Amino acid sequence: GGGGLEGKTSRSRVYVQNLPGDITQRDLGQIFREFGKVLGLQIITAGAVRSGKVCAIIRFEDAPAAEAAIATLDGRRELRRGDGPI
Protein backbone atom coordinates (compact mmCIF):
# COMPACT_ATOMS: atom_id res chain seq x y z
CA GLY A 1 0.00 0.00 0.00
CA GLY A 2 0.90 3.65 0.18
CA GLY A 3 2.38 3.31 3.64
CA GLY A 4 0.33 3.39 6.77
CA LEU A 5 -0.42 0.89 9.42
CA GLU A 6 0.17 -2.36 7.54
CA GLY A 7 -0.37 -4.66 10.49
CA LYS A 8 2.54 -3.30 12.51
CA THR A 9 1.42 -3.82 16.07
CA SER A 10 3.10 -4.97 19.19
CA ARG A 11 0.05 -6.07 21.11
CA SER A 12 -1.49 -2.71 21.90
CA ARG A 13 0.84 -0.44 19.91
CA VAL A 14 0.36 0.75 16.35
CA TYR A 15 3.10 2.23 14.17
CA VAL A 16 1.78 4.79 11.69
CA GLN A 17 3.81 6.19 8.81
CA ASN A 18 3.30 8.69 6.00
CA LEU A 19 1.71 11.35 8.22
CA PRO A 20 1.89 15.03 7.27
CA GLY A 21 4.75 16.88 8.96
CA ASP A 22 2.43 19.31 10.73
CA ILE A 23 0.28 16.65 12.44
CA THR A 24 -0.21 17.22 16.16
CA GLN A 25 -0.71 14.88 19.09
CA ARG A 26 -4.20 16.33 19.43
CA ASP A 27 -5.01 15.46 15.80
CA LEU A 28 -3.84 11.89 16.29
CA GLY A 29 -5.65 11.53 19.59
CA GLN A 30 -8.94 12.59 18.00
CA ILE A 31 -8.58 10.03 15.22
CA PHE A 32 -7.41 7.07 17.29
CA ARG A 33 -9.71 7.57 20.32
CA GLU A 34 -12.51 6.27 18.10
CA PHE A 35 -11.05 2.77 18.52
CA GLY A 36 -10.32 2.66 22.23
CA LYS A 37 -8.53 4.31 25.10
CA VAL A 38 -5.23 5.85 23.97
CA LEU A 39 -2.62 5.61 26.71
CA GLY A 40 0.08 7.47 24.82
CA LEU A 41 1.30 8.60 21.46
CA GLN A 42 4.63 9.73 20.12
CA ILE A 43 5.33 11.60 16.90
CA ILE A 44 8.67 10.65 15.35
CA THR A 45 10.17 13.42 13.24
CA ALA A 46 13.45 11.77 12.21
CA GLY A 47 13.74 12.02 8.44
CA ALA A 48 10.89 14.53 8.18
CA VAL A 49 13.13 17.28 6.82
CA ARG A 50 13.77 15.34 3.64
CA SER A 51 10.36 13.75 3.10
CA GLY A 52 8.02 16.20 4.83
CA LYS A 53 6.34 13.18 6.45
CA VAL A 54 6.48 11.91 10.02
CA CYS A 55 5.64 8.66 11.80
CA ALA A 56 3.90 7.98 15.07
CA ILE A 57 3.43 5.26 17.64
CA ILE A 58 0.00 5.01 19.23
CA ARG A 59 -0.35 2.98 22.43
CA PHE A 60 -3.81 1.69 23.25
CA GLU A 61 -5.10 0.21 26.48
CA ASP A 62 -5.62 -3.15 24.77
CA ALA A 63 -4.77 -5.10 21.62
CA PRO A 64 -8.33 -5.25 20.20
CA ALA A 65 -8.37 -1.43 19.97
CA ALA A 66 -5.07 -1.47 18.07
CA GLU A 67 -6.34 -4.18 15.75
CA ALA A 68 -9.56 -2.24 15.09
CA ALA A 69 -7.58 0.89 14.19
CA ILE A 70 -5.47 -1.08 11.71
CA ALA A 71 -8.46 -2.80 10.15
CA THR A 72 -10.28 0.50 9.68
CA LEU A 73 -7.54 2.98 8.80
CA ASP A 74 -4.81 1.09 6.96
CA GLY A 75 -4.29 2.95 3.70
CA ARG A 76 -7.83 4.29 3.67
CA ARG A 77 -8.03 7.56 5.55
CA GLU A 78 -6.81 11.00 4.63
CA LEU A 79 -6.38 13.37 7.53
CA ARG A 80 -6.87 16.36 5.27
CA ARG A 81 -7.57 16.60 1.56
CA GLY A 82 -4.41 15.86 -0.38
CA ASP A 83 -2.44 14.31 2.50
CA GLY A 84 -2.65 10.84 1.04
CA PRO A 85 -3.42 7.60 2.85
CA ILE A 86 -1.99 6.68 6.22
C-alpha atoms as a PDB file:
ATOM      1  CA  GLY A   1       0.000   0.000   0.000  1.00  0.00           C
ATOM      2  CA  GLY A   2       0.900   3.651   0.181  1.00  0.00           C
ATOM      3  CA  GLY A   3       2.381   3.308   3.641  1.00  0.00           C
ATOM      4  CA  GLY A   4       0.331   3.394   6.768  1.00  0.00           C
ATOM      5  CA  LEU A   5      -0.421   0.888   9.420  1.00  0.00           C
ATOM      6  CA  GLU A   6       0.168  -2.359   7.541  1.00  0.00           C
ATOM      7  CA  GLY A   7      -0.373  -4.655  10.495  1.00  0.00           C
ATOM      8  CA  LYS A   8       2.537  -3.301  12.506  1.00  0.00           C
ATOM      9  CA  THR A   9       1.422  -3.821  16.075  1.00  0.00           C
ATOM     10  CA  SER A  10       3.103  -4.971  19.193  1.00  0.00           C
ATOM     11  CA  ARG A  11       0.050  -6.074  21.112  1.00  0.00           C
ATOM     12  CA  SER A  12      -1.487  -2.714  21.904  1.00  0.00           C
ATOM     13  CA  ARG A  13       0.839  -0.439  19.911  1.00  0.00           C
ATOM     14  CA  VAL A  14       0.358   0.754  16.347  1.00  0.00           C
ATOM     15  CA  TYR A  15       3.103   2.228  14.175  1.00  0.00           C
ATOM     16  CA  VAL A  16       1.781   4.792  11.686  1.00  0.00           C
ATOM     17  CA  GLN A  17       3.812   6.194   8.814  1.00  0.00           C
ATOM     18  CA  ASN A  18       3.298   8.694   5.996  1.00  0.00           C
ATOM     19  CA  LEU A  19       1.709  11.348   8.222  1.00  0.00           C
ATOM     20  CA  PRO A  20       1.891  15.034   7.274  1.00  0.00           C
ATOM     21  CA  GLY A  21       4.750  16.881   8.957  1.00  0.00           C
ATOM     22  CA  ASP A  22       2.427  19.306  10.729  1.00  0.00           C
ATOM     23  CA  ILE A  23       0.276  16.650  12.436  1.00  0.00           C
ATOM     24  CA  THR A  24      -0.206  17.224  16.157  1.00  0.00           C
ATOM     25  CA  GLN A  25      -0.715  14.885  19.087  1.00  0.00           C
ATOM     26  CA  ARG A  26      -4.199  16.335  19.434  1.00  0.00           C
ATOM     27  CA  ASP A  27      -5.013  15.462  15.800  1.00  0.00           C
ATOM     28  CA  LEU A  28      -3.840  11.891  16.288  1.00  0.00           C
ATOM     29  CA  GLY A  29      -5.650  11.531  19.592  1.00  0.00           C
ATOM     30  CA  GLN A  30      -8.941  12.586  18.001  1.00  0.00           C
ATOM     31  CA  ILE A  31      -8.575  10.035  15.223  1.00  0.00           C
ATOM     32  CA  PHE A  32      -7.412   7.075  17.289  1.00  0.00           C
ATOM     33  CA  ARG A  33      -9.707   7.565  20.317  1.00  0.00           C
ATOM     34  CA  GLU A  34     -12.511   6.268  18.096  1.00  0.00           C
ATOM     35  CA  PHE A  35     -11.051   2.774  18.520  1.00  0.00           C
ATOM     36  CA  GLY A  36     -10.324   2.663  22.231  1.00  0.00           C
ATOM     37  CA  LYS A  37      -8.530   4.308  25.101  1.00  0.00           C
ATOM     38  CA  VAL A  38      -5.232   5.853  23.972  1.00  0.00           C
ATOM     39  CA  LEU A  39      -2.615   5.613  26.715  1.00  0.00           C
ATOM     40  CA  GLY A  40       0.075   7.474  24.818  1.00  0.00           C
ATOM     41  CA  LEU A  41       1.303   8.604  21.458  1.00  0.00           C
ATOM     42  CA  GLN A  42       4.626   9.732  20.121  1.00  0.00           C
ATOM     43  CA  ILE A  43       5.335  11.598  16.899  1.00  0.00           C
ATOM     44  CA  ILE A  44       8.672  10.646  15.345  1.00  0.00           C
ATOM     45  CA  THR A  45      10.165  13.416  13.243  1.00  0.00           C
ATOM     46  CA  ALA A  46      13.453  11.766  12.209  1.00  0.00           C
ATOM     47  CA  GLY A  47      13.742  12.022   8.441  1.00  0.00           C
ATOM     48  CA  ALA A  48      10.888  14.527   8.176  1.00  0.00           C
ATOM     49  CA  VAL A  49      13.132  17.280   6.817  1.00  0.00           C
ATOM     50  CA  ARG A  50      13.772  15.335   3.640  1.00  0.00           C
ATOM     51  CA  SER A  51      10.356  13.751   3.096  1.00  0.00           C
ATOM     52  CA  GLY A  52       8.025  16.204   4.834  1.00  0.00           C
ATOM     53  CA  LYS A  53       6.338  13.182   6.455  1.00  0.00           C
ATOM     54  CA  VAL A  54       6.478  11.908  10.024  1.00  0.00           C
ATOM     55  CA  CYS A  55       5.644   8.657  11.796  1.00  0.00           C
ATOM     56  CA  ALA A  56       3.896   7.981  15.070  1.00  0.00           C
ATOM     57  CA  ILE A  57       3.432   5.264  17.639  1.00  0.00           C
ATOM     58  CA  ILE A  58      -0.001   5.015  19.227  1.00  0.00           C
ATOM     59  CA  ARG A  59      -0.347   2.981  22.427  1.00  0.00           C
ATOM     60  CA  PHE A  60      -3.807   1.688  23.254  1.00  0.00           C
ATOM     61  CA  GLU A  61      -5.104   0.212  26.477  1.00  0.00           C
ATOM     62  CA  ASP A  62      -5.623  -3.149  24.766  1.00  0.00           C
ATOM     63  CA  ALA A  63      -4.767  -5.097  21.623  1.00  0.00           C
ATOM     64  CA  PRO A  64      -8.330  -5.247  20.202  1.00  0.00           C
ATOM     65  CA  ALA A  65      -8.367  -1.434  19.966  1.00  0.00           C
ATOM     66  CA  ALA A  66      -5.069  -1.466  18.075  1.00  0.00           C
ATOM     67  CA  GLU A  67      -6.338  -4.178  15.750  1.00  0.00           C
ATOM     68  CA  ALA A  68      -9.560  -2.237  15.085  1.00  0.00           C
ATOM     69  CA  ALA A  69      -7.576   0.888  14.190  1.00  0.00           C
ATOM     70  CA  ILE A  70      -5.466  -1.076  11.714  1.00  0.00           C
ATOM     71  CA  ALA A  71      -8.461  -2.802  10.154  1.00  0.00           C
ATOM     72  CA  THR A  72     -10.280   0.503   9.678  1.00  0.00           C
ATOM     73  CA  LEU A  73      -7.544   2.981   8.796  1.00  0.00           C
ATOM     74  CA  ASP A  74      -4.813   1.086   6.960  1.00  0.00           C
ATOM     75  CA  GLY A  75      -4.291   2.949   3.696  1.00  0.00           C
ATOM     76  CA  ARG A  76      -7.827   4.293   3.671  1.00  0.00           C
ATOM     77  CA  ARG A  77      -8.025   7.563   5.555  1.00  0.00           C
ATOM     78  CA  GLU A  78      -6.814  10.998   4.628  1.00  0.00           C
ATOM     79  CA  LEU A  79      -6.381  13.368   7.525  1.00  0.00           C
ATOM     80  CA  ARG A  80      -6.866  16.358   5.270  1.00  0.00           C
ATOM     81  CA  ARG A  81      -7.568  16.600   1.561  1.00  0.00           C
ATOM     82  CA  GLY A  82      -4.409  15.855  -0.376  1.00  0.00           C
ATOM     83  CA  ASP A  83      -2.435  14.315   2.495  1.00  0.00           C
ATOM     84  CA  GLY A  84      -2.649  10.835   1.038  1.00  0.00           C
ATOM     85  CA  PRO A  85      -3.422   7.601   2.853  1.00  0.00           C
ATOM     86  CA  ILE A  86      -1.991   6.679   6.220  1.00  0.00           C
END
